[in-house]
């Protein structure tokens, strides 16, 4: 008996990759927020604040791509 193979098309793989990126960014963001709150000194807090802003921009970008990918997956989704 042969094992069924899991085939994922390129769009599905890209969609899953976006969610992986989102999860990683959310983890990094949580860590940076803790560093910002409990940093050992002002320099560390300032660096954590800058890192947080950068991560938020990246997270916004990934979330926008996820929303677009989810829309494309809808039946009868409009293509521009």
N, C-alpha and C. Protein backbone atom coordinates (compact mmCIF):
# COMPACT_ATOMS: atom_id res chain seq x y z
N UNK A 1 0.84 -1.18 0.00
CA UNK A 1 0.00 0.00 0.00
C UNK A 1 0.88 1.24 0.00
N UNK A 2 0.55 2.18 -0.82
CA UNK A 2 1.37 3.39 -0.90
C UNK A 2 0.81 4.46 0.00
N UNK A 3 1.71 5.26 0.51
CA UNK A 3 1.31 6.39 1.35
C UNK A 3 0.79 7.52 0.47
N UNK A 4 -0.31 8.15 0.84
CA UNK A 4 -0.77 9.31 0.06
C UNK A 4 0.19 10.47 0.26
N UNK A 5 0.49 11.13 -0.81
CA UNK A 5 1.41 12.26 -0.70
C UNK A 5 0.61 13.54 -0.56
N UNK A 6 1.13 14.41 0.23
CA UNK A 6 0.50 15.70 0.45
C UNK A 6 1.02 16.67 -0.60
N UNK A 7 0.14 17.12 -1.45
CA UNK A 7 0.55 18.08 -2.47
C UNK A 7 -0.03 19.43 -2.11
N UNK A 8 0.84 20.38 -2.06
CA UNK A 8 0.44 21.76 -1.76
C UNK A 8 0.89 22.59 -2.95
N UNK A 9 -0.06 23.32 -3.53
CA UNK A 9 0.33 24.14 -4.67
C UNK A 9 1.12 25.37 -4.20
N UNK A 10 1.66 26.09 -5.13
CA UNK A 10 2.54 27.22 -4.80
C UNK A 10 1.81 28.30 -4.03
N UNK A 11 0.54 28.57 -4.38
CA UNK A 11 -0.22 29.59 -3.66
C UNK A 11 -0.46 29.20 -2.21
N UNK A 12 -0.77 27.94 -2.00
CA UNK A 12 -1.00 27.46 -0.63
C UNK A 12 0.30 27.51 0.18
N UNK A 13 1.40 27.14 -0.44
CA UNK A 13 2.70 27.19 0.25
C UNK A 13 3.05 28.63 0.62
N UNK A 14 2.80 29.56 -0.29
CA UNK A 14 3.08 30.98 -0.01
C UNK A 14 2.19 31.48 1.12
N UNK A 15 0.93 31.06 1.12
CA UNK A 15 -0.01 31.45 2.16
C UNK A 15 0.45 30.94 3.53
N UNK A 16 0.85 29.69 3.58
CA UNK A 16 1.35 29.11 4.83
C UNK A 16 2.65 29.78 5.28
N UNK A 17 3.50 30.14 4.33
CA UNK A 17 4.74 30.84 4.65
C UNK A 17 4.46 32.21 5.26
N UNK A 18 3.45 32.91 4.74
CA UNK A 18 3.08 34.21 5.30
C UNK A 18 2.64 34.07 6.76
N UNK A 19 1.88 33.02 7.04
CA UNK A 19 1.45 32.82 8.43
C UNK A 19 2.64 32.46 9.32
N UNK A 20 3.60 31.75 8.78
CA UNK A 20 4.82 31.47 9.54
C UNK A 20 5.59 32.74 9.85
N UNK A 21 5.67 33.63 8.86
CA UNK A 21 6.34 34.91 9.07
C UNK A 21 5.61 35.73 10.12
N UNK A 22 4.27 35.71 10.07
CA UNK A 22 3.47 36.46 11.04
C UNK A 22 3.73 35.94 12.45
N UNK A 23 3.74 34.63 12.62
CA UNK A 23 3.99 34.05 13.95
C UNK A 23 5.36 34.44 14.48
N UNK A 24 6.37 34.39 13.62
CA UNK A 24 7.72 34.75 14.04
C UNK A 24 7.80 36.24 14.43
N UNK A 25 7.17 37.10 13.64
CA UNK A 25 7.18 38.53 13.96
C UNK A 25 6.44 38.79 15.27
N UNK A 26 5.34 38.09 15.50
CA UNK A 26 4.60 38.29 16.76
C UNK A 26 5.44 37.85 17.96
N UNK A 27 6.19 36.76 17.82
CA UNK A 27 7.08 36.32 18.91
C UNK A 27 8.16 37.37 19.19
N UNK A 28 8.78 37.84 18.11
CA UNK A 28 9.83 38.85 18.26
C UNK A 28 9.27 40.13 18.88
N UNK A 29 8.06 40.49 18.47
CA UNK A 29 7.43 41.70 18.99
C UNK A 29 7.14 41.56 20.49
N UNK A 30 6.67 40.42 20.91
CA UNK A 30 6.41 40.20 22.33
C UNK A 30 7.70 40.32 23.15
N UNK A 31 8.78 39.75 22.62
CA UNK A 31 10.07 39.82 23.32
C UNK A 31 10.58 41.26 23.40
N UNK A 32 10.47 41.99 22.31
CA UNK A 32 10.94 43.37 22.28
C UNK A 32 10.10 44.24 23.21
N UNK A 33 8.80 43.98 23.29
CA UNK A 33 7.96 44.76 24.20
C UNK A 33 8.36 44.53 25.65
N UNK A 34 8.74 43.30 25.98
CA UNK A 34 9.23 43.03 27.34
C UNK A 34 10.55 43.74 27.59
N UNK A 35 11.43 43.73 26.60
CA UNK A 35 12.71 44.44 26.74
C UNK A 35 12.48 45.93 26.93
N UNK A 36 11.48 46.46 26.21
CA UNK A 36 11.18 47.89 26.33
C UNK A 36 10.66 48.21 27.73
N UNK A 37 9.84 47.33 28.28
CA UNK A 37 9.28 47.56 29.61
C UNK A 37 10.29 47.37 30.73
N UNK A 38 11.15 46.35 30.58
CA UNK A 38 12.02 45.97 31.68
C UNK A 38 13.50 46.06 31.32
N UNK A 39 13.84 46.93 30.37
CA UNK A 39 15.22 47.06 29.94
C UNK A 39 16.13 47.52 31.06
N UNK A 40 17.39 47.11 31.01
CA UNK A 40 18.33 47.43 32.08
C UNK A 40 18.75 48.91 32.10
N UNK A 41 18.61 49.58 30.99
CA UNK A 41 19.02 50.98 30.94
C UNK A 41 18.30 51.70 29.82
N UNK A 42 18.48 53.01 29.79
CA UNK A 42 17.78 53.81 28.81
C UNK A 42 18.19 53.46 27.38
N UNK A 43 19.48 53.15 27.17
CA UNK A 43 19.92 52.78 25.82
C UNK A 43 19.22 51.51 25.34
N UNK A 44 19.08 50.53 26.21
CA UNK A 44 18.41 49.28 25.86
C UNK A 44 16.93 49.52 25.58
N UNK A 45 16.32 50.40 26.35
CA UNK A 45 14.91 50.73 26.15
C UNK A 45 14.71 51.46 24.83
N UNK A 46 15.61 52.39 24.53
CA UNK A 46 15.53 53.12 23.26
C UNK A 46 15.70 52.18 22.07
N UNK A 47 16.65 51.24 22.18
CA UNK A 47 16.87 50.27 21.10
C UNK A 47 15.64 49.37 20.94
N UNK A 48 15.05 48.94 22.05
CA UNK A 48 13.86 48.09 22.00
C UNK A 48 12.69 48.84 21.37
N UNK A 49 12.58 50.12 21.65
CA UNK A 49 11.51 50.93 21.05
C UNK A 49 11.70 51.02 19.54
N UNK A 50 12.93 51.24 19.10
CA UNK A 50 13.21 51.30 17.66
C UNK A 50 12.94 49.94 17.01
N UNK A 51 13.35 48.87 17.68
CA UNK A 51 13.09 47.52 17.16
C UNK A 51 11.60 47.25 17.07
N UNK A 52 10.86 47.69 18.07
CA UNK A 52 9.41 47.49 18.08
C UNK A 52 8.75 48.20 16.89
N UNK A 53 9.18 49.42 16.62
CA UNK A 53 8.62 50.15 15.48
C UNK A 53 8.90 49.43 14.17
N UNK A 54 10.11 48.93 14.02
CA UNK A 54 10.48 48.20 12.81
C UNK A 54 9.67 46.92 12.66
N UNK A 55 9.50 46.19 13.76
CA UNK A 55 8.73 44.95 13.72
C UNK A 55 7.26 45.22 13.42
N UNK A 56 6.72 46.31 13.94
CA UNK A 56 5.33 46.65 13.66
C UNK A 56 5.12 46.95 12.18
N UNK A 57 6.08 47.62 11.56
CA UNK A 57 5.99 47.89 10.12
C UNK A 57 6.03 46.58 9.34
N UNK A 58 6.92 45.69 9.73
CA UNK A 58 7.02 44.38 9.07
C UNK A 58 5.75 43.57 9.27
N UNK A 59 5.20 43.59 10.48
CA UNK A 59 3.98 42.85 10.76
C UNK A 59 2.82 43.41 9.94
N UNK A 60 2.74 44.72 9.81
CA UNK A 60 1.68 45.33 9.01
C UNK A 60 1.79 44.89 7.55
N UNK A 61 3.01 44.83 7.04
CA UNK A 61 3.23 44.40 5.66
C UNK A 61 2.77 42.96 5.46
N UNK A 62 3.16 42.08 6.38
CA UNK A 62 2.79 40.67 6.27
C UNK A 62 1.28 40.50 6.41
N UNK A 63 0.67 41.23 7.34
CA UNK A 63 -0.78 41.11 7.52
C UNK A 63 -1.53 41.59 6.27
N UNK A 64 -1.02 42.61 5.62
CA UNK A 64 -1.64 43.08 4.38
C UNK A 64 -1.55 42.00 3.31
N UNK A 65 -0.41 41.35 3.21
CA UNK A 65 -0.26 40.27 2.24
C UNK A 65 -1.17 39.08 2.57
N UNK A 66 -1.34 38.79 3.85
CA UNK A 66 -2.23 37.71 4.26
C UNK A 66 -3.67 38.04 3.90
N UNK A 67 -4.09 39.28 4.17
CA UNK A 67 -5.45 39.66 3.82
C UNK A 67 -5.69 39.55 2.32
N UNK A 68 -4.71 39.96 1.53
CA UNK A 68 -4.84 39.86 0.07
C UNK A 68 -4.91 38.39 -0.36
N UNK A 69 -4.09 37.55 0.23
CA UNK A 69 -4.09 36.13 -0.11
C UNK A 69 -5.40 35.47 0.30
N UNK A 70 -5.93 35.86 1.46
CA UNK A 70 -7.21 35.31 1.89
C UNK A 70 -8.33 35.72 0.95
N UNK A 71 -8.29 36.95 0.48
CA UNK A 71 -9.32 37.42 -0.45
C UNK A 71 -9.25 36.62 -1.75
N UNK A 72 -8.05 36.38 -2.24
CA UNK A 72 -7.90 35.63 -3.49
C UNK A 72 -8.41 34.20 -3.36
N UNK A 73 -8.42 33.67 -2.15
CA UNK A 73 -8.88 32.30 -1.93
C UNK A 73 -10.40 32.19 -1.90
N UNK A 74 -11.10 33.32 -1.81
CA UNK A 74 -12.55 33.29 -1.77
C UNK A 74 -13.12 32.85 -3.12
N UNK A 75 -14.24 32.12 -3.10
CA UNK A 75 -14.86 31.77 -4.37
C UNK A 75 -15.35 33.03 -5.09
N UNK A 76 -15.17 33.07 -6.37
CA UNK A 76 -15.59 34.20 -7.21
C UNK A 76 -14.93 35.51 -6.82
N UNK A 77 -13.73 35.43 -6.27
CA UNK A 77 -13.01 36.64 -5.88
C UNK A 77 -12.67 37.45 -7.13
N UNK A 78 -12.84 38.72 -7.02
CA UNK A 78 -12.56 39.61 -8.14
C UNK A 78 -11.06 39.73 -8.36
N UNK A 79 -10.65 39.67 -9.58
CA UNK A 79 -9.24 39.83 -9.94
C UNK A 79 -9.06 41.19 -10.61
N UNK A 80 -8.13 41.97 -10.10
CA UNK A 80 -7.90 43.28 -10.69
C UNK A 80 -6.84 43.22 -11.73
